[in-house]
Amino acid sequence: RTIYDTIGVEKGLLLPSGAAEACRSDMISPREAHDMVQDFPETLGWWFCSVNPAMGSNSEKTNLSYFLLQYKEHGAKGVGEMCFNDYFDDPLVLNLLTHCEKCQMPVLFHIGRKGNDYGLVDEIGLPRLEKVLGMFPDLIFIGHSQKFWAEISKDVTEKDRGGYPKGTVIPGGRVIELMRTYKNLHADLSARSGFNALKRDPTFAYAFLEEFPDRIYYGTDICSPRNIDNPMLGLSAFLDDAMLNGNISYDTYFKVSRGNALRLLDGKTA
């Protein structure tokens, strides 16, 4: 609560990542996420569930709607953060995405490299992400992590993908191309990766926010009270200043900071 008060956040969305079998960010289970939202409603307004694609019978034919609908009936608003280390188009993952679409559960994903990492796996240029965006047009995909945000610039390299690239964003980045082509691709500004994507080139950032005002979400990625000194929390001030200085419209500012989340989570516009 102290962190939220410091950066001007009313309520947050809790994302458990406890469904991965060997995930270094396995910190909280869906049941704990549900209970925390119930216990601290003034701070935590919503929660996502986490479902491993191997749940049930470790088969691409498993009825994962069985698990998803139980979570949904108890208040889960989506699935994520997806941290399991499988390819986007692995048969088990495709089965999970099929059921997420069927159950109308948006997914928030982290992208990682294969092995010694966490997150869904894709190559530079995000060809596998594009494949699933086309396969599941009615499923909202929310992008997150270094390997997602590094792809806003056309000159991204393998080295850049794992870090926080600096400097001017070169037009032609894959994330921009994919968001223009696939209306079901949304973007989460949380963590250092999201903030860095804006801060590295403010001129690009303002244009990006204005081009996709209905599909971008403010976020924090707070994992511990120790995050109170993390530079990533400067995102809220960046957005405030962008609006107050006339770099983005109030309408865009409201949608990114609040309106889009309320529409996604509660079906509301204010």
Protein backbone atom coordinates (compact mmCIF):
# COMPACT_ATOMS: atom_id res chain seq x y z
CA ARG A 1 0.00 0.00 0.00
CA THR A 2 2.88 2.35 0.78
CA ILE A 3 4.26 1.94 -2.75
CA TYR A 4 0.86 2.53 -4.32
CA ASP A 5 0.32 5.68 -2.27
CA THR A 6 3.77 6.95 -3.23
CA ILE A 7 3.18 6.60 -6.98
CA GLY A 8 -0.53 7.42 -7.04
CA VAL A 9 -2.06 4.00 -7.68
CA GLU A 10 -5.55 3.32 -6.34
CA LYS A 11 -5.75 -0.45 -6.85
CA GLY A 12 -3.71 -3.17 -8.48
CA LEU A 13 -4.13 -6.41 -10.40
CA LEU A 14 -2.41 -9.42 -8.84
CA LEU A 15 -0.62 -11.77 -11.25
CA PRO A 16 0.39 -15.16 -9.84
CA SER A 17 3.06 -17.11 -11.66
CA GLY A 18 2.80 -20.33 -9.70
CA ALA A 19 1.77 -22.72 -12.47
CA ALA A 20 5.19 -23.29 -13.97
CA GLU A 21 6.81 -26.54 -12.89
CA ALA A 22 10.29 -25.05 -12.59
CA CYS A 23 9.92 -21.30 -12.68
CA ARG A 24 12.28 -19.08 -10.79
CA SER A 25 9.49 -16.53 -10.32
CA ASP A 26 7.13 -19.04 -8.71
CA MET A 27 6.09 -16.77 -5.85
CA ILE A 28 2.33 -17.04 -5.42
CA SER A 29 -0.43 -19.49 -6.26
CA PRO A 30 -3.84 -18.65 -7.77
CA ARG A 31 -5.50 -19.58 -4.49
CA GLU A 32 -3.29 -17.14 -2.60
CA ALA A 33 -4.00 -14.45 -5.20
CA HIS A 34 -7.73 -14.97 -4.75
CA ASP A 35 -7.43 -14.77 -0.97
CA MET A 36 -5.27 -11.63 -1.03
CA VAL A 37 -7.80 -9.80 -3.20
CA GLN A 38 -10.52 -10.82 -0.75
CA ASP A 39 -8.47 -9.75 2.27
CA PHE A 40 -7.15 -6.43 0.91
CA PRO A 41 -9.85 -5.06 -1.42
CA GLU A 42 -8.76 -1.48 -0.87
CA THR A 43 -5.38 -2.27 -2.44
CA LEU A 44 -5.87 -5.30 -4.71
CA GLY A 45 -8.93 -5.14 -6.92
CA TRP A 46 -8.48 -8.09 -9.27
CA TRP A 47 -6.45 -11.21 -9.92
CA PHE A 48 -5.42 -13.44 -12.80
CA CYS A 49 -5.00 -17.19 -12.51
CA SER A 50 -2.07 -19.31 -13.69
CA VAL A 51 -2.59 -22.55 -15.57
CA ASN A 52 0.22 -24.82 -16.74
CA PRO A 53 -0.40 -26.23 -20.23
CA ALA A 54 0.63 -29.67 -18.95
CA MET A 55 -2.08 -29.71 -16.27
CA GLY A 56 -4.43 -32.64 -16.27
CA SER A 57 -2.99 -35.37 -18.48
CA ASN A 58 -0.03 -33.54 -20.10
CA SER A 59 -1.85 -33.75 -23.42
CA GLU A 60 -2.77 -31.28 -26.15
CA LYS A 61 -6.29 -32.69 -25.86
CA THR A 62 -6.78 -31.94 -22.16
CA ASN A 63 -9.93 -29.95 -21.42
CA LEU A 64 -8.23 -26.99 -19.73
CA SER A 65 -11.54 -25.12 -19.69
CA TYR A 66 -12.32 -27.28 -16.66
CA PHE A 67 -9.61 -25.48 -14.68
CA LEU A 68 -10.07 -22.04 -16.26
CA LEU A 69 -13.79 -21.91 -15.58
CA GLN A 70 -13.29 -22.83 -11.93
CA TYR A 71 -10.90 -19.91 -11.53
CA LYS A 72 -13.20 -17.63 -13.50
CA GLU A 73 -16.16 -18.54 -11.30
CA HIS A 74 -14.09 -17.48 -8.29
CA GLY A 75 -13.27 -14.12 -9.82
CA ALA A 76 -10.18 -14.57 -12.01
CA LYS A 77 -10.14 -12.03 -14.83
CA GLY A 78 -7.48 -13.59 -17.05
CA VAL A 79 -4.42 -15.83 -17.21
CA GLY A 80 -0.90 -14.73 -16.43
CA GLU A 81 1.74 -13.87 -16.09
CA MET A 82 2.52 -16.82 -18.36
CA CYS A 83 6.03 -17.88 -17.34
CA PHE A 84 6.34 -21.51 -18.45
CA ASN A 85 9.31 -22.04 -20.77
CA ASP A 86 7.65 -23.51 -23.87
CA TYR A 87 7.37 -22.22 -27.44
CA PHE A 88 4.30 -20.14 -28.28
CA ASP A 89 3.25 -22.77 -30.81
CA ASP A 90 4.02 -25.86 -28.73
CA PRO A 91 0.97 -28.17 -28.97
CA LEU A 92 0.35 -27.96 -25.22
CA VAL A 93 0.47 -24.15 -25.31
CA LEU A 94 -1.84 -24.04 -28.32
CA ASN A 95 -4.31 -26.15 -26.38
CA LEU A 96 -4.16 -23.75 -23.44
CA LEU A 97 -4.67 -20.76 -25.73
CA THR A 98 -7.62 -22.53 -27.36
CA HIS A 99 -9.32 -22.85 -24.00
CA CYS A 100 -8.39 -19.32 -22.91
CA GLU A 101 -10.11 -18.01 -26.03
CA LYS A 102 -13.11 -20.26 -25.46
CA CYS A 103 -13.43 -19.10 -21.83
CA GLN A 104 -12.84 -15.43 -22.75
CA MET A 105 -9.80 -15.16 -20.49
CA PRO A 106 -7.16 -12.68 -21.74
CA VAL A 107 -3.54 -13.77 -21.36
CA LEU A 108 -0.51 -11.80 -20.23
CA PHE A 109 2.79 -13.33 -21.32
CA HIS A 110 6.49 -13.03 -20.57
CA ILE A 111 8.91 -13.92 -23.39
CA GLY A 112 12.09 -15.83 -22.56
CA ARG A 113 14.83 -17.79 -24.25
CA LYS A 114 14.70 -21.59 -24.27
CA GLY A 115 16.40 -22.97 -21.16
CA ASN A 116 17.92 -21.17 -18.19
CA ASP A 117 15.13 -18.63 -18.39
CA TYR A 118 11.39 -18.31 -17.94
CA GLY A 119 8.63 -17.23 -20.27
CA LEU A 120 7.14 -18.32 -23.57
CA VAL A 121 9.81 -18.79 -26.21
CA ASP A 122 10.12 -16.99 -29.54
CA GLU A 123 12.89 -15.94 -31.90
CA ILE A 124 13.89 -12.41 -32.83
CA GLY A 125 11.15 -10.94 -35.00
CA LEU A 126 8.47 -12.76 -32.95
CA PRO A 127 7.28 -15.17 -35.68
CA ARG A 128 5.66 -17.57 -33.23
CA LEU A 129 3.78 -14.77 -31.48
CA GLU A 130 2.46 -13.67 -34.85
CA LYS A 131 1.35 -17.23 -35.56
CA VAL A 132 -0.79 -17.47 -32.42
CA LEU A 133 -2.16 -13.94 -32.85
CA GLY A 134 -3.56 -15.10 -36.17
CA MET A 135 -4.76 -18.44 -34.83
CA PHE A 136 -6.73 -16.92 -31.93
CA PRO A 137 -8.25 -13.64 -33.17
CA ASP A 138 -10.76 -13.46 -30.32
CA LEU A 139 -8.15 -13.88 -27.58
CA ILE A 140 -6.50 -10.79 -26.09
CA PHE A 141 -2.72 -11.20 -25.78
CA ILE A 142 -0.98 -8.71 -23.47
CA GLY A 143 2.75 -8.37 -24.17
CA HIS A 144 5.33 -7.89 -21.41
CA SER A 145 9.06 -8.36 -20.68
CA GLN A 146 12.39 -7.36 -22.21
CA LYS A 147 12.12 -9.61 -25.26
CA PHE A 148 8.75 -8.07 -26.09
CA TRP A 149 9.61 -4.42 -25.57
CA ALA A 150 13.04 -4.58 -27.23
CA GLU A 151 11.19 -5.32 -30.47
CA ILE A 152 9.72 -1.82 -30.74
CA SER A 153 12.83 -0.85 -32.69
CA LYS A 154 13.78 -2.29 -36.08
CA ASP A 155 17.46 -2.49 -35.16
CA VAL A 156 16.95 -4.92 -32.25
CA THR A 157 19.71 -7.50 -31.78
CA GLU A 158 19.92 -10.74 -29.82
CA LYS A 159 21.90 -8.90 -27.17
CA ASP A 160 19.28 -6.15 -26.93
CA ARG A 161 16.49 -8.66 -26.43
CA GLY A 162 17.71 -9.66 -23.01
CA GLY A 163 18.27 -6.16 -21.69
CA TYR A 164 17.13 -2.58 -21.80
CA PRO A 165 18.29 -0.99 -25.06
CA LYS A 166 18.86 2.74 -25.17
CA GLY A 167 18.63 5.37 -27.86
CA THR A 168 16.28 6.36 -30.63
CA VAL A 169 13.63 3.85 -31.68
CA ILE A 170 14.09 2.98 -35.35
CA PRO A 171 10.78 2.72 -37.27
CA GLY A 172 9.75 -0.74 -38.38
CA GLY A 173 9.90 -2.57 -35.05
CA ARG A 174 7.97 -5.83 -34.93
CA VAL A 175 5.83 -4.95 -31.93
CA ILE A 176 4.53 -1.90 -33.77
CA GLU A 177 3.91 -3.90 -36.94
CA LEU A 178 2.10 -6.63 -35.02
CA MET A 179 -0.07 -4.18 -33.10
CA ARG A 180 -1.05 -2.52 -36.37
CA THR A 181 -1.93 -5.85 -37.95
CA TYR A 182 -3.48 -7.75 -35.04
CA LYS A 183 -6.04 -5.88 -32.95
CA ASN A 184 -5.89 -8.61 -30.30
CA LEU A 185 -2.30 -7.69 -29.34
CA HIS A 186 -2.21 -5.39 -26.32
CA ALA A 187 0.79 -4.12 -24.34
CA ASP A 188 1.66 -3.90 -20.64
CA LEU A 189 4.03 -1.06 -19.65
CA SER A 190 5.02 -2.65 -16.36
CA ALA A 191 8.53 -3.38 -15.10
CA ARG A 192 11.75 -1.78 -16.18
CA SER A 193 11.27 -3.13 -19.71
CA GLY A 194 8.02 -1.26 -20.32
CA PHE A 195 9.23 1.98 -18.78
CA ASN A 196 12.51 1.76 -20.68
CA ALA A 197 10.62 1.33 -23.95
CA LEU A 198 9.06 4.76 -23.42
CA LYS A 199 11.88 6.57 -21.68
CA ARG A 200 14.57 5.65 -24.25
CA ASP A 201 12.85 7.80 -26.89
CA PRO A 202 10.12 10.11 -25.53
CA THR A 203 9.17 11.36 -29.00
CA PHE A 204 8.46 7.79 -30.06
CA ALA A 205 6.70 7.12 -26.75
CA TYR A 206 4.17 9.92 -27.18
CA ALA A 207 3.36 8.84 -30.74
CA PHE A 208 3.09 5.20 -29.67
CA LEU A 209 0.68 6.00 -26.85
CA GLU A 210 -1.46 8.13 -29.15
CA GLU A 211 -1.55 5.47 -31.89
CA PHE A 212 -2.69 2.65 -29.59
CA PRO A 213 -4.50 4.40 -26.72
CA ASP A 214 -7.07 1.61 -26.33
CA ARG A 215 -4.60 -1.29 -26.05
CA ILE A 216 -1.86 -0.13 -23.67
CA TYR A 217 -1.94 -0.61 -19.88
CA TYR A 218 -0.05 1.09 -17.10
CA GLY A 219 1.52 -1.47 -14.75
CA THR A 220 4.15 -1.80 -12.04
CA ASP A 221 5.40 -5.42 -11.75
CA ILE A 222 5.88 -4.95 -8.00
CA CYS A 223 7.15 -8.21 -6.51
CA SER A 224 8.30 -7.03 -3.08
CA PRO A 225 8.09 -4.04 -0.70
CA ARG A 226 11.76 -3.56 -1.56
CA ASN A 227 10.65 -2.39 -5.01
CA ILE A 228 9.82 1.00 -3.52
CA ASP A 229 13.23 2.27 -4.66
CA ASN A 230 13.10 0.62 -8.10
CA PRO A 231 13.47 3.13 -10.96
CA MET A 232 10.70 1.33 -12.88
CA LEU A 233 8.18 3.06 -10.61
CA GLY A 234 9.02 6.32 -12.39
CA LEU A 235 6.56 5.31 -15.12
CA SER A 236 3.65 6.95 -13.29
CA ALA A 237 5.45 10.31 -13.18
CA PHE A 238 6.47 9.93 -16.84
CA LEU A 239 2.83 9.53 -17.87
CA ASP A 240 1.72 12.38 -15.59
CA ASP A 241 4.30 14.72 -17.09
CA ALA A 242 3.47 13.65 -20.64
CA MET A 243 -0.15 14.64 -20.14
CA LEU A 244 0.51 17.84 -18.16
CA ASN A 245 3.04 19.04 -20.74
CA GLY A 246 0.67 18.39 -23.62
CA ASN A 247 2.68 15.55 -25.16
CA ILE A 248 -0.29 13.19 -24.96
CA SER A 249 -3.99 13.95 -24.67
CA TYR A 250 -5.89 13.58 -21.43
CA ASP A 251 -8.07 10.97 -23.13
CA THR A 252 -5.01 8.83 -23.93
CA TYR A 253 -3.60 9.37 -20.45
CA PHE A 254 -6.86 8.28 -18.84
CA LYS A 255 -7.19 5.18 -20.98
CA VAL A 256 -3.62 4.01 -20.40
CA SER A 257 -3.62 4.81 -16.68
CA ARG A 258 -7.09 3.58 -15.80
CA GLY A 259 -9.77 3.24 -18.45
CA ASN A 260 -8.34 0.33 -20.42
CA ALA A 261 -7.80 -1.73 -17.28
CA LEU A 262 -11.33 -1.11 -16.06
CA ARG A 263 -12.74 -2.09 -19.43
CA LEU A 264 -10.66 -5.29 -19.54
CA LEU A 265 -11.29 -6.29 -15.93
CA ASP A 266 -14.81 -5.05 -15.25
CA GLY A 267 -16.26 -4.10 -18.62
CA LYS A 268 -16.43 -0.47 -17.46
CA THR A 269 -15.23 2.76 -19.09
CA ALA A 270 -14.68 4.91 -15.98
